[in-house]
């Protein structure tokens, strides 16, 4: 489990040292205080890509350290496989980052490659984001979820190895079928495409990163202009004073006549207050302006790169991420053309034999998916019932080209998978995209994660605002589900819902404050009084009354009683 997390110079966090325990912990606080930045920092120490914007403005480096203890057996095996010493069952992972993109990683004090962090990450922490529910609307992910549940990793790997061999045989046959002139033309075409794609240096996920960065830069340009205009109006220019100066002048003008009328003192106080408020506002705007980073050169480079990716997509008829896999395929076809003197009859015999093997393994995958689908549906319905969806029916539709006029093989076999839902009694099962609301998607994803992670005992589960669209009684059920999951593994959850926060074993308050022209985020573990205060804020907002405070205290008391019931049922 994650025992300690130390963050330095990550976004608005100058330094934070957080100690975690087993069980269910919640992180709460005002919107924008920096809760999700803690998740970003945890992602960073697990080897994820990090934007240079994550490094605190003006700092030459940023770092994240994470201490993991009581490692699960799978994590210990992976550590041993990577040549890491974890005899005492602990791992200390540290990653330092610089604005120029360099990384310095250490595991238990020894230098480590960033790839080692990525390999270890899944055995230590599973992070579920607030947008994961949207993945359920994309049916291409459904077969992946079903395969994980059906534990198809080994048979799928075996199938894919034979499938690749089948593709290579097919390429050889096509190469032998060409005339000499066709082969020469095809070789030139393949070499040109190979060289072009190699020179493009495509990266997986690059277009999404560029689109996100372009939006950030365009927003930064507009925000810089808006903040600059506001600062000039408040602070003035070399030629004329701004609102701050004019208010100060108004205060001095009033003070000149202070002794002439008894009506002036309250007016003077108001003028002084306005001058102070204007000065504070000008200071805050200036700080915000100084923190904005906009580069017209970077925006131009980003636009050029996006245009290049769009050109390649138009030329090859596939998105950039798929083009990455095209490069080795081009090389393989070139190799096939060079070996085109092989005997056609023997190749066709080998192709037919390999196709029978691939067909049999695709049939095996289909059988295993069909068997697992029924079990997954039953477990999903059980999980959904526990989260205030008692009438929900979950279905899985598996379509296959096996045995059809034209069997079509893909890297995952011959099947397509689609999840179906009937949220209420009397409704037919329909595709999720047509029937699931935001709150239902959140609960379905939590149910799915709960089912898929049953074998991940000991791996820390992090949920970043997965309660989107959920409220009232449903929120309480989601909180109970998170508490139940924490019975077998450590659970950390970022939430705005008091129903979920009340069910936690521990609670951390994330706050943000500004001084000295900079913004700082603090992470504070809460005692009982602190939790009552925070639950009061979550339920009543600014309307903090004694009644609201008593309601928060009662919520905690009822949550404790409910947790005891859940524990009793859990260990029956």
Protein backbone atom coordinates (compact mmCIF):
# COMPACT_ATOMS: atom_id res chain seq x y z
CA UNK A 1 0.00 0.00 0.00
CA UNK A 2 0.99 3.64 -0.39
CA UNK A 3 2.43 4.76 2.95
CA UNK A 4 3.94 8.18 2.18
CA UNK A 5 3.75 10.65 -0.68
CA UNK A 6 6.12 13.61 -0.84
CA UNK A 7 5.56 16.30 -3.48
CA UNK A 8 7.83 19.24 -4.30
CA UNK A 9 7.19 22.03 -6.82
CA UNK A 10 4.32 20.35 -8.63
CA UNK A 11 1.92 23.04 -9.97
CA UNK A 12 0.57 25.01 -6.96
CA UNK A 13 2.07 22.56 -4.45
CA UNK A 14 5.39 23.91 -3.18
CA UNK A 15 5.81 20.98 -0.77
CA UNK A 16 3.44 18.42 0.68
CA UNK A 17 4.22 15.41 2.86
CA UNK A 18 1.25 13.07 3.17
CA UNK A 19 1.14 9.92 5.30
CA UNK A 20 -1.47 7.35 4.29
CA UNK A 21 -2.82 4.30 6.11
CA UNK A 22 -4.71 1.18 5.16
CA UNK A 23 -8.45 1.34 4.61
CA UNK A 24 -10.57 4.05 3.01
CA UNK A 25 -9.16 7.59 2.83
CA UNK A 26 -10.84 10.64 1.28
CA UNK A 27 -9.35 13.86 -0.07
CA UNK A 28 -11.71 16.83 -0.19
CA UNK A 29 -11.53 20.60 -0.49
CA UNK A 30 -12.69 23.56 -2.54
CA UNK A 31 -12.77 23.26 -6.33
CA UNK A 32 -9.37 24.22 -7.74
CA UNK A 33 -7.52 23.74 -4.45
CA UNK A 34 -5.23 21.11 -5.98
CA UNK A 35 -6.82 17.72 -5.23
CA UNK A 36 -6.34 16.38 -8.74
CA UNK A 37 -2.74 17.65 -8.74
CA UNK A 38 -2.02 15.05 -6.06
CA UNK A 39 -3.31 12.40 -8.48
CA UNK A 40 -1.12 13.91 -11.23
CA UNK A 41 1.89 13.68 -8.91
CA UNK A 42 1.12 10.04 -8.13
CA UNK A 43 0.80 9.32 -11.85
CA UNK A 44 4.20 10.97 -12.36
CA UNK A 45 5.98 8.78 -9.81
CA UNK A 46 4.43 5.74 -11.49
CA UNK A 47 6.08 6.67 -14.79
CA UNK A 48 3.32 8.47 -16.70
CA UNK A 49 4.12 11.18 -19.22
CA UNK A 50 4.46 14.57 -17.54
CA UNK A 51 3.82 17.95 -19.13
CA UNK A 52 6.47 20.54 -18.36
CA UNK A 53 3.59 22.78 -17.25
CA UNK A 54 3.25 20.53 -14.19
CA UNK A 55 6.51 21.95 -12.81
CA UNK A 56 5.87 24.93 -10.54
CA UNK A 57 6.51 28.25 -12.28
CA UNK A 58 10.00 29.60 -11.65
CA UNK A 59 11.41 26.33 -10.29
CA UNK A 60 14.33 24.46 -11.86
CA UNK A 61 13.06 21.03 -10.87
CA UNK A 62 10.13 19.15 -9.37
CA UNK A 63 10.06 15.82 -7.58
CA UNK A 64 7.68 13.19 -6.27
CA UNK A 65 8.59 10.39 -3.85
CA UNK A 66 6.31 7.51 -2.91
CA UNK A 67 6.91 4.87 -0.26
CA UNK A 68 5.06 1.56 -0.66
CA UNK A 69 4.96 -1.05 2.09
CA UNK A 70 3.34 -4.47 2.59
CA UNK A 71 3.82 -5.13 -1.12
CA UNK A 72 1.51 -7.73 -2.71
CA UNK A 73 3.23 -10.91 -4.00
CA UNK A 74 2.86 -9.87 -7.66
CA UNK A 75 4.66 -6.57 -6.94
CA UNK A 76 7.47 -8.42 -5.16
CA UNK A 77 7.86 -10.77 -8.13
CA UNK A 78 7.96 -7.85 -10.57
CA UNK A 79 10.53 -6.03 -8.40
CA UNK A 80 12.69 -9.15 -8.33
CA UNK A 81 12.31 -9.55 -12.10
CA UNK A 82 13.57 -5.96 -12.52
CA UNK A 83 16.56 -6.67 -10.27
CA UNK A 84 15.33 -4.51 -7.39
CA UNK A 85 15.89 -5.28 -3.74
CA UNK A 86 12.60 -5.34 -1.82
CA UNK A 87 13.40 -7.91 0.85
CA UNK A 88 11.69 -5.89 3.59
CA UNK A 89 8.53 -5.59 1.53
CA UNK A 90 8.97 -1.87 0.80
CA UNK A 91 9.76 0.22 -2.26
CA UNK A 92 10.77 3.88 -2.24
CA UNK A 93 10.30 5.39 -5.69
CA UNK A 94 11.53 8.91 -6.49
CA UNK A 95 11.28 10.87 -9.72
CA UNK A 96 12.82 14.28 -10.36
CA UNK A 97 11.78 16.30 -13.41
CA UNK A 98 13.22 19.42 -15.06
CA UNK A 99 11.64 21.86 -17.52
CA UNK A 100 13.87 20.59 -20.34
CA UNK A 101 12.25 17.14 -20.09
CA UNK A 102 15.02 15.28 -18.24
CA UNK A 103 14.09 12.73 -15.56
CA UNK A 104 16.09 11.26 -12.71
CA UNK A 105 14.48 8.16 -11.23
CA UNK A 106 15.51 6.10 -8.21
CA UNK A 107 14.04 2.97 -6.66
CA UNK A 108 15.23 2.17 -3.13
CA UNK A 109 18.04 4.64 -3.70
CA UNK A 110 19.34 3.00 -6.89
CA UNK A 111 19.17 4.70 -10.32
CA UNK A 112 16.30 3.38 -12.43
CA UNK A 113 14.92 3.89 -15.93
CA UNK A 114 11.54 5.57 -16.37
CA UNK A 115 10.31 2.39 -18.06
CA UNK A 116 10.89 0.49 -14.79
CA UNK A 117 8.46 2.85 -13.04
CA UNK A 118 5.89 2.15 -15.75
CA UNK A 119 6.36 -1.61 -15.36
CA UNK A 120 6.01 -1.48 -11.58
CA UNK A 121 3.07 0.94 -11.54
CA UNK A 122 0.18 -1.49 -12.29
CA UNK A 123 1.38 -3.79 -9.48
CA UNK A 124 1.28 -0.94 -6.94
CA UNK A 125 -1.57 1.44 -7.80
CA UNK A 126 -4.67 1.44 -10.01
CA UNK A 127 -5.90 4.98 -10.76
CA UNK A 128 -9.48 5.43 -11.94
CA UNK A 129 -10.23 8.91 -13.29
CA UNK A 130 -13.44 10.94 -13.37
CA UNK A 131 -13.70 10.44 -17.15
CA UNK A 132 -13.31 6.64 -17.12
CA UNK A 133 -17.09 6.27 -17.28
CA UNK A 134 -17.00 7.78 -20.76
CA UNK A 135 -14.90 4.80 -21.90
CA UNK A 136 -17.97 2.66 -21.41
CA UNK A 137 -19.66 4.62 -24.20
CA UNK A 138 -16.89 3.62 -26.61
CA UNK A 139 -17.70 0.05 -27.60
CA UNK A 140 -14.14 -0.70 -28.75
CA UNK A 141 -13.17 -0.96 -25.07
CA UNK A 142 -15.89 -3.48 -24.21
CA UNK A 143 -14.02 -6.49 -25.58
CA UNK A 144 -10.96 -5.45 -23.56
CA UNK A 145 -12.96 -5.35 -20.31
CA UNK A 146 -14.51 -8.76 -21.04
CA UNK A 147 -11.10 -10.27 -21.89
CA UNK A 148 -9.61 -9.01 -18.61
CA UNK A 149 -12.51 -10.57 -16.68
CA UNK A 150 -12.22 -13.84 -18.65
CA UNK A 151 -8.43 -13.90 -17.97
CA UNK A 152 -7.66 -14.29 -21.67
CA UNK A 153 -4.17 -12.78 -21.54
CA UNK A 154 -2.34 -16.07 -22.21
CA UNK A 155 -4.68 -17.56 -24.89
CA UNK A 156 -4.95 -14.13 -26.55
CA UNK A 157 -1.16 -13.80 -26.67
CA UNK A 158 -0.89 -17.27 -28.23
CA UNK A 159 -3.59 -16.42 -30.79
CA UNK A 160 -1.90 -13.13 -31.71
CA UNK A 161 1.44 -14.84 -32.32
CA UNK A 162 -0.19 -17.25 -34.82
CA UNK A 163 -2.25 -14.40 -36.31
CA UNK A 164 0.93 -12.41 -37.04
CA UNK A 165 2.47 -15.47 -38.70
CA UNK A 166 -0.68 -15.82 -40.84
CA UNK A 167 -0.36 -12.18 -41.93
CA UNK A 168 3.30 -12.70 -42.88
CA UNK A 169 2.42 -15.76 -44.98
CA UNK A 170 -0.29 -13.75 -46.69
CA UNK A 171 2.20 -10.99 -47.50
CA UNK A 172 4.64 -13.49 -49.00
CA UNK A 173 1.93 -14.99 -51.17
CA UNK A 174 0.87 -11.55 -52.42
CA UNK A 175 4.50 -10.66 -53.09
CA UNK A 176 5.05 -13.79 -55.19
CA UNK A 177 1.88 -13.03 -57.15
CA UNK A 178 3.30 -9.76 -58.50
CA UNK A 179 5.13 -9.27 -61.76
CA UNK A 180 8.73 -8.01 -61.70
CA UNK A 181 7.61 -4.50 -62.69
CA UNK A 182 4.87 -4.49 -60.05
CA UNK A 183 7.36 -5.63 -57.41
CA UNK A 184 9.80 -2.88 -58.32
CA UNK A 185 7.05 -0.26 -58.22
CA UNK A 186 5.77 -1.63 -54.93
CA UNK A 187 9.27 -1.66 -53.41
CA UNK A 188 9.76 2.02 -54.30
CA UNK A 189 6.35 2.87 -52.86
CA UNK A 190 7.01 0.93 -49.64
CA UNK A 191 10.47 2.48 -49.21
CA UNK A 192 9.05 5.97 -49.69
CA UNK A 193 6.28 5.35 -47.15
CA UNK A 194 8.67 3.71 -44.69
CA UNK A 195 11.14 6.62 -44.88
CA UNK A 196 8.37 9.21 -44.55
CA UNK A 197 6.83 7.57 -41.48
CA UNK A 198 10.24 7.00 -39.88
CA UNK A 199 11.11 10.68 -40.38
CA UNK A 200 7.76 11.72 -38.87
CA UNK A 201 8.79 10.14 -35.52
CA UNK A 202 5.18 9.51 -34.51
CA UNK A 203 4.36 8.96 -30.82
CA UNK A 204 1.32 7.22 -29.39
CA UNK A 205 -1.16 9.78 -28.08
CA UNK A 206 0.79 12.68 -29.62
CA UNK A 207 -2.19 14.25 -31.40
CA UNK A 208 -4.29 14.33 -28.21
CA UNK A 209 -1.36 15.92 -26.37
CA UNK A 210 -0.92 18.52 -29.12
CA UNK A 211 -4.64 19.37 -29.23
CA UNK A 212 -4.67 19.79 -25.45
CA UNK A 213 -1.52 21.91 -25.56
CA UNK A 214 -2.90 24.07 -28.38
CA UNK A 215 -6.03 24.76 -26.35
CA UNK A 216 -3.88 25.67 -23.35
CA UNK A 217 -1.75 28.03 -25.44
CA UNK A 218 -4.74 29.69 -27.12
CA UNK A 219 -6.43 30.13 -23.73
CA UNK A 220 -3.19 31.47 -22.29
CA UNK A 221 -2.99 34.04 -25.10
CA UNK A 222 -6.53 35.29 -24.46
CA UNK A 223 -6.14 35.14 -20.69
CA UNK A 224 -2.85 37.04 -20.85
CA UNK A 225 -4.52 39.80 -22.85
CA UNK A 226 -7.51 39.98 -20.49
CA UNK A 227 -5.38 40.01 -17.35
CA UNK A 228 -3.02 42.58 -18.89
CA UNK A 229 -5.92 44.94 -19.72
CA UNK A 230 -7.33 44.58 -16.21
CA UNK A 231 -3.91 45.25 -14.62
CA UNK A 232 -3.40 48.39 -16.70
CA UNK A 233 -6.83 49.71 -15.75
CA UNK A 234 -6.14 49.11 -12.07
CA UNK A 235 -2.46 50.06 -11.87
CA UNK A 236 -2.36 52.66 -14.65
CA UNK A 237 0.38 53.40 -17.16
CA UNK A 238 3.34 55.77 -17.32
CA UNK A 239 1.05 58.47 -18.73
CA UNK A 240 -1.88 58.20 -16.39
CA UNK A 241 -2.89 56.54 -13.14
CA UNK A 242 -5.24 53.63 -12.78
CA UNK A 243 -8.14 52.86 -10.48
CA UNK A 244 -5.85 52.16 -7.50
CA UNK A 245 -4.18 55.57 -7.81
CA UNK A 246 -7.47 57.38 -8.37
CA UNK A 247 -9.07 55.78 -5.31
CA UNK A 248 -6.07 56.73 -3.17
CA UNK A 249 -6.33 60.30 -4.49
CA UNK A 250 -10.05 60.32 -3.66
CA UNK A 251 -9.27 59.21 -0.10
CA UNK A 252 -6.67 61.98 0.31
CA UNK A 253 -9.10 64.57 -1.10
CA UNK A 254 -11.71 63.58 1.45
CA UNK A 255 -9.22 63.66 4.30
CA UNK A 256 -8.40 67.27 3.40
CA UNK A 257 -11.95 68.18 4.39
CA UNK A 258 -12.30 65.72 7.27
CA UNK A 259 -12.52 68.41 9.97
CA UNK A 260 -15.07 70.47 8.05
CA UNK A 261 -17.98 68.01 8.29
CA UNK A 262 -19.02 65.13 10.50
CA UNK A 263 -20.37 63.30 7.46
CA UNK A 264 -16.93 62.74 5.96
CA UNK A 265 -15.30 60.15 8.31
CA UNK A 266 -17.53 57.21 7.23
CA UNK A 267 -17.04 58.23 3.60
CA UNK A 268 -13.28 58.37 4.13
CA UNK A 269 -13.36 54.85 5.62
CA UNK A 270 -15.25 53.56 2.60
CA UNK A 271 -12.84 55.22 0.20
CA UNK A 272 -9.87 53.74 2.10
CA UNK A 273 -11.46 50.28 2.03
CA UNK A 274 -12.06 50.54 -1.73
CA UNK A 275 -8.45 51.63 -2.26
CA UNK A 276 -7.17 48.59 -0.29
CA UNK A 277 -9.51 46.22 -2.12
CA UNK A 278 -8.45 47.62 -5.49
CA UNK A 279 -4.79 47.30 -4.52
CA UNK A 280 -5.29 43.67 -3.43
CA UNK A 281 -7.13 42.92 -6.66
CA UNK A 282 -4.35 44.50 -8.72
CA UNK A 283 -1.78 42.39 -6.85
CA UNK A 284 -3.73 39.17 -7.40
CA UNK A 285 -4.21 39.97 -11.09
CA UNK A 286 -0.50 40.72 -11.45
CA UNK A 287 0.36 37.36 -9.82
CA UNK A 288 -2.03 35.56 -12.12
CA UNK A 289 -0.53 37.35 -15.12
CA UNK A 290 3.04 36.45 -14.10
CA UNK A 291 2.07 32.78 -13.79
CA UNK A 292 0.68 32.67 -17.33
CA UNK A 293 3.03 31.10 -19.83
CA UNK A 294 2.36 31.89 -23.50
CA UNK A 295 4.71 31.34 -26.39
CA UNK A 296 3.63 32.27 -29.90
CA UNK A 297 6.54 30.20 -31.23
CA UNK A 298 5.35 27.09 -29.41
CA UNK A 299 1.77 27.68 -30.64
CA UNK A 300 3.08 27.94 -34.22
CA UNK A 301 5.16 24.76 -33.81
CA UNK A 302 2.13 22.96 -32.36
CA UNK A 303 -0.05 24.03 -35.29
CA UNK A 304 2.58 22.91 -37.82
CA UNK A 305 2.88 19.51 -36.13
CA UNK A 306 -0.92 19.04 -36.09
CA UNK A 307 -1.04 19.93 -39.79
CA UNK A 308 1.66 17.33 -40.49
CA UNK A 309 -0.27 14.65 -38.57
CA UNK A 310 -3.47 15.59 -40.45
CA UNK A 311 -1.61 15.32 -43.78
CA UNK A 312 -0.32 11.86 -42.91
CA UNK A 313 -3.80 10.78 -41.78
CA UNK A 314 -5.30 11.94 -45.10
CA UNK A 315 -2.56 10.28 -47.11
CA UNK A 316 -2.66 6.89 -45.40
CA UNK A 317 -6.32 6.83 -44.38
CA UNK A 318 -5.72 6.03 -40.72
CA UNK A 319 -5.19 8.06 -37.52
CA UNK A 320 -1.62 8.79 -36.32
CA UNK A 321 -1.75 6.23 -33.48
CA UNK A 322 -2.48 3.47 -36.02
CA UNK A 323 0.24 4.76 -38.37
CA UNK A 324 2.79 3.81 -35.70
CA UNK A 325 1.92 0.14 -36.29
CA UNK A 326 2.07 0.62 -40.07
CA UNK A 327 5.83 1.19 -40.06
CA UNK A 328 6.82 -2.39 -39.03
CA UNK A 329 4.18 -3.74 -41.40
CA UNK A 330 5.82 -1.86 -44.29
CA UNK A 331 9.21 -3.26 -43.32
CA UNK A 332 7.77 -6.77 -43.17
CA UNK A 333 6.24 -6.41 -46.63
CA UNK A 334 9.57 -5.19 -47.99
CA UNK A 335 11.24 -8.24 -46.49
CA UNK A 336 8.56 -10.43 -48.06
CA UNK A 337 9.22 -8.93 -51.49
CA UNK A 338 12.92 -9.68 -51.13
CA UNK A 339 12.07 -13.30 -50.36
CA UNK A 340 9.68 -13.62 -53.31
CA UNK A 341 11.57 -16.51 -54.89
CA UNK A 342 10.02 -18.97 -52.46
CA UNK A 343 7.81 -21.72 -53.75
CA UNK A 344 4.17 -20.56 -54.08
CA UNK A 345 2.66 -24.02 -53.50
CA UNK A 346 4.50 -24.55 -50.21
CA UNK A 347 3.49 -21.08 -49.05
CA UNK A 348 -0.17 -21.75 -49.80
CA UNK A 349 -0.03 -25.04 -47.92
CA UNK A 350 1.59 -23.32 -44.94
CA UNK A 351 -1.04 -20.55 -45.10
CA UNK A 352 -3.93 -23.05 -45.11
CA UNK A 353 -2.44 -24.93 -42.14
CA UNK A 354 -1.81 -21.74 -40.18
CA UNK A 355 -5.32 -20.48 -40.95
CA UNK A 356 -6.80 -23.64 -39.41
CA UNK A 357 -4.75 -23.04 -36.25
CA UNK A 358 -5.84 -19.39 -36.09
CA UNK A 359 -9.48 -20.39 -36.65
CA UNK A 360 -9.35 -22.95 -33.83
CA UNK A 361 -7.81 -20.45 -31.43
CA UNK A 362 -10.33 -17.78 -32.42
CA UNK A 363 -13.07 -20.33 -31.69
CA UNK A 364 -11.48 -20.99 -28.29
CA UNK A 365 -11.47 -17.26 -27.52
CA UNK A 366 -15.13 -17.02 -28.54
CA UNK A 367 -16.06 -19.95 -26.28
CA UNK A 368 -14.21 -18.46 -23.31
CA UNK A 369 -15.79 -15.04 -23.85
CA UNK A 370 -19.27 -16.52 -24.14
CA UNK A 371 -18.80 -18.44 -20.89
CA UNK A 372 -17.34 -15.43 -19.05
CA UNK A 373 -20.06 -13.06 -20.31
CA UNK A 374 -22.75 -14.78 -18.22
CA UNK A 375 -20.63 -14.61 -15.07
CA UNK A 376 -19.74 -10.96 -15.67
CA UNK A 377 -23.40 -10.03 -16.18
CA UNK A 378 -24.40 -11.70 -12.90
CA UNK A 379 -21.61 -10.00 -10.93
CA UNK A 380 -22.31 -6.61 -12.52
CA UNK A 381 -25.99 -6.79 -11.61
CA UNK A 382 -25.05 -7.73 -8.04
CA UNK A 383 -22.66 -4.77 -7.81
CA UNK A 384 -25.19 -2.33 -9.33
CA UNK A 385 -27.88 -3.48 -6.91
CA UNK A 386 -25.54 -2.53 -4.06
CA UNK A 387 -25.28 0.98 -5.55
CA UNK A 388 -28.99 1.82 -5.67
CA UNK A 389 -29.72 0.24 -9.06
CA UNK A 390 -31.72 -2.82 -7.86
CA UNK A 391 -33.68 -3.25 -11.09
CA UNK A 392 -30.71 -2.89 -13.43
CA UNK A 393 -30.04 -5.68 -15.92
CA UNK A 394 -26.65 -5.91 -17.58
CA UNK A 395 -26.16 -7.71 -20.87
CA UNK A 396 -23.28 -8.56 -23.18
CA UNK A 397 -23.78 -9.01 -26.90
CA UNK A 398 -21.06 -11.03 -28.67
CA UNK A 399 -21.07 -11.11 -32.48
CA UNK A 400 -18.63 -13.30 -34.40
CA UNK A 401 -17.71 -13.93 -38.04
CA UNK A 402 -16.75 -17.54 -37.23
CA UNK A 403 -18.61 -19.97 -39.48
CA UNK A 404 -19.95 -17.14 -41.64
CA UNK A 405 -19.45 -16.85 -45.39
CA UNK A 406 -16.44 -14.63 -44.82
CA UNK A 407 -14.54 -15.17 -41.56
CA UNK A 408 -12.67 -12.00 -40.62
CA UNK A 409 -9.69 -12.28 -38.30
CA UNK A 410 -8.43 -9.36 -36.18
CA UNK A 411 -5.81 -9.13 -33.44
CA UNK A 412 -8.51 -10.08 -30.90
CA UNK A 413 -10.06 -12.93 -32.84
CA UNK A 414 -13.30 -12.84 -34.79
CA UNK A 415 -15.57 -11.27 -32.16
CA UNK A 416 -17.05 -7.88 -31.40
CA UNK A 417 -18.44 -7.19 -27.93
CA UNK A 418 -21.06 -4.68 -26.83
CA UNK A 419 -22.34 -3.98 -23.31
CA UNK A 420 -26.08 -3.48 -22.85
CA UNK A 421 -28.13 -2.01 -20.00
CA UNK A 422 -31.67 -1.93 -18.77
CA UNK A 423 -31.65 0.52 -15.87
CA UNK A 424 -35.32 0.12 -14.90
CA UNK A 425 -37.87 -2.69 -14.73
CA UNK A 426 -39.74 -3.34 -17.95
CA UNK A 427 -37.13 -1.77 -20.22
CA UNK A 428 -35.34 -3.73 -22.92
CA UNK A 429 -31.59 -4.12 -22.91
CA UNK A 430 -30.06 -1.39 -25.06
CA UNK A 431 -26.53 -0.10 -25.86
CA UNK A 432 -25.08 2.01 -23.04
CA UNK A 433 -24.70 5.08 -25.24
CA UNK A 434 -28.47 5.17 -25.75
CA UNK A 435 -29.71 4.65 -22.20
CA UNK A 436 -27.06 5.34 -19.51
CA UNK A 437 -27.07 8.66 -17.65
CA UNK A 438 -23.93 10.24 -16.22
CA UNK A 439 -24.65 8.93 -12.73
CA UNK A 440 -25.40 5.44 -14.05
CA UNK A 441 -22.15 5.42 -16.03
CA UNK A 442 -20.20 6.38 -12.90
CA UNK A 443 -21.74 3.53 -10.93
CA UNK A 444 -21.32 1.06 -13.78
CA UNK A 445 -17.63 1.89 -14.09
CA UNK A 446 -17.18 1.54 -10.31
CA UNK A 447 -19.00 -1.80 -10.44
CA UNK A 448 -16.83 -2.94 -13.35
CA UNK A 449 -13.62 -1.84 -11.65
CA UNK A 450 -14.73 -3.63 -8.49
CA UNK A 451 -15.35 -6.88 -10.38
CA UNK A 452 -12.15 -6.68 -12.45
CA UNK A 453 -9.93 -5.89 -9.47
CA UNK A 454 -11.06 -8.73 -7.21
CA UNK A 455 -7.75 -10.48 -7.90
CA UNK A 456 -5.69 -7.34 -7.21
CA UNK A 457 -5.64 -7.64 -3.44
CA UNK A 458 -2.96 -5.38 -2.01
CA UNK A 459 -2.89 -2.97 -4.98
CA UNK A 460 -3.85 0.57 -3.93
CA UNK A 461 -6.99 1.83 -5.69
CA UNK A 462 -7.26 5.57 -6.36
CA UNK A 463 -10.61 7.04 -7.45
CA UNK A 464 -10.48 10.61 -8.78
CA UNK A 465 -14.02 12.05 -8.60
CA UNK A 466 -15.62 8.88 -9.97
CA UNK A 467 -18.89 9.99 -8.32
CA UNK A 468 -19.77 12.40 -11.17
CA UNK A 469 -23.53 12.71 -11.64
CA UNK A 470 -24.29 10.85 -8.40
CA UNK A 471 -26.14 12.34 -5.43
CA UNK A 472 -28.48 11.52 -2.55
CA UNK A 473 -29.01 7.89 -1.64
CA UNK A 474 -27.02 6.71 -4.67
CA UNK A 475 -24.01 8.65 -3.36
CA UNK A 476 -24.30 6.80 -0.03
CA UNK A 477 -24.34 3.47 -1.86
CA UNK A 478 -21.25 4.46 -3.86
CA UNK A 479 -19.51 5.39 -0.60
CA UNK A 480 -20.45 2.04 0.91
CA UNK A 481 -19.06 0.26 -2.15
CA UNK A 482 -15.75 2.14 -1.83
CA UNK A 483 -15.62 1.29 1.89
CA UNK A 484 -16.25 -2.38 1.07
CA UNK A 485 -13.49 -2.41 -1.56
CA UNK A 486 -11.15 -1.01 1.12
CA UNK A 487 -11.67 -4.20 3.10
CA UNK A 488 -9.21 -5.97 0.79
CA UNK A 489 -7.03 -3.09 -0.41
CA UNK A 490 -6.14 0.50 0.34
CA UNK A 491 -8.57 2.99 -1.26
CA UNK A 492 -7.94 6.71 -1.83
CA UNK A 493 -10.78 8.82 -3.18
CA UNK A 494 -11.07 12.46 -4.29
CA UNK A 495 -14.67 13.55 -3.75
CA UNK A 496 -16.99 16.53 -3.26
CA UNK A 497 -19.84 14.45 -1.81
CA UNK A 498 -20.40 14.48 1.98
CA UNK A 499 -22.14 11.08 1.84
CA UNK A 500 -18.91 9.49 0.56
CA UNK A 501 -16.55 11.53 2.76
CA UNK A 502 -18.48 10.55 5.91
CA UNK A 503 -17.86 6.85 5.24
CA UNK A 504 -14.08 7.22 5.04
CA UNK A 505 -11.73 5.95 7.74
CA UNK A 506 -9.58 9.08 7.32
CA UNK A 507 -10.04 12.42 5.63
CA UNK A 508 -7.56 14.96 4.23
CA UNK A 509 -8.44 18.58 3.54
CA UNK A 510 -6.83 20.25 0.51
CA UNK A 511 -6.73 24.05 0.72
CA UNK A 512 -5.22 26.83 -1.37
CA UNK A 513 -4.03 30.24 -0.24
CA UNK A 514 -2.10 33.12 -1.77
CA UNK A 515 0.60 35.27 -0.21
CA UNK A 516 3.71 36.99 -1.41
CA UNK A 517 2.35 36.98 -4.94
CA UNK A 518 2.29 33.13 -5.12
CA UNK A 519 -0.34 30.44 -4.65
CA UNK A 520 0.24 27.53 -2.26
CA UNK A 521 -1.68 24.29 -1.65
CA UNK A 522 -1.75 22.57 1.74
CA UNK A 523 -2.75 19.00 2.60
CA UNK A 524 -4.03 18.60 6.16
CA UNK A 525 -5.19 15.37 7.85
CA UNK A 526 -8.39 16.06 9.75
CA UNK A 527 -9.29 15.04 13.29
CA UNK A 528 -12.91 14.51 14.33
CA UNK A 529 -13.61 18.22 14.77
CA UNK A 530 -11.94 18.95 11.43
CA UNK A 531 -14.06 16.34 9.68
CA UNK A 532 -17.24 17.81 11.16
CA UNK A 533 -16.14 21.24 9.95
CA UNK A 534 -15.38 19.94 6.43
CA UNK A 535 -18.60 17.93 6.18
CA UNK A 536 -20.47 21.07 7.23
CA UNK A 537 -18.82 22.94 4.37
CA UNK A 538 -19.61 20.17 1.89
CA UNK A 539 -23.28 20.09 2.88
CA UNK A 540 -24.02 23.74 3.68
CA UNK A 541 -21.40 25.70 1.74
CA UNK A 542 -20.98 29.16 3.20
CA UNK A 543 -24.16 28.83 5.28
CA UNK A 544 -22.40 27.46 8.36
CA UNK A 545 -24.90 27.30 11.21
CA UNK A 546 -25.03 25.30 14.41
CA UNK A 547 -27.81 23.21 12.86
CA UNK A 548 -25.58 22.46 9.84
CA UNK A 549 -22.74 21.52 12.16
CA UNK A 550 -24.96 19.17 14.18
CA UNK A 551 -26.18 17.62 10.93
CA UNK A 552 -22.56 16.93 9.89
CA UNK A 553 -21.78 15.36 13.27
CA UNK A 554 -24.90 13.18 12.97
CA UNK A 555 -23.84 12.17 9.45
CA UNK A 556 -20.51 10.94 10.82
CA UNK A 557 -22.21 9.06 13.64
CA UNK A 558 -24.62 7.32 11.25
CA UNK A 559 -21.74 6.56 8.86
CA UNK A 560 -19.79 4.86 11.67
CA UNK A 561 -22.82 2.73 12.52
CA UNK A 562 -23.31 1.83 8.86
CA UNK A 563 -19.63 0.84 8.51
CA UNK A 564 -19.96 -1.54 11.43
CA UNK A 565 -22.94 -3.17 9.69
CA UNK A 566 -20.99 -3.46 6.46
CA UNK A 567 -18.01 -5.01 8.23
CA UNK A 568 -20.28 -7.52 9.97
CA UNK A 569 -21.83 -8.56 6.64
CA UNK A 570 -18.42 -8.59 4.93
CA UNK A 571 -16.86 -11.06 7.36
CA UNK A 572 -19.84 -13.32 7.95
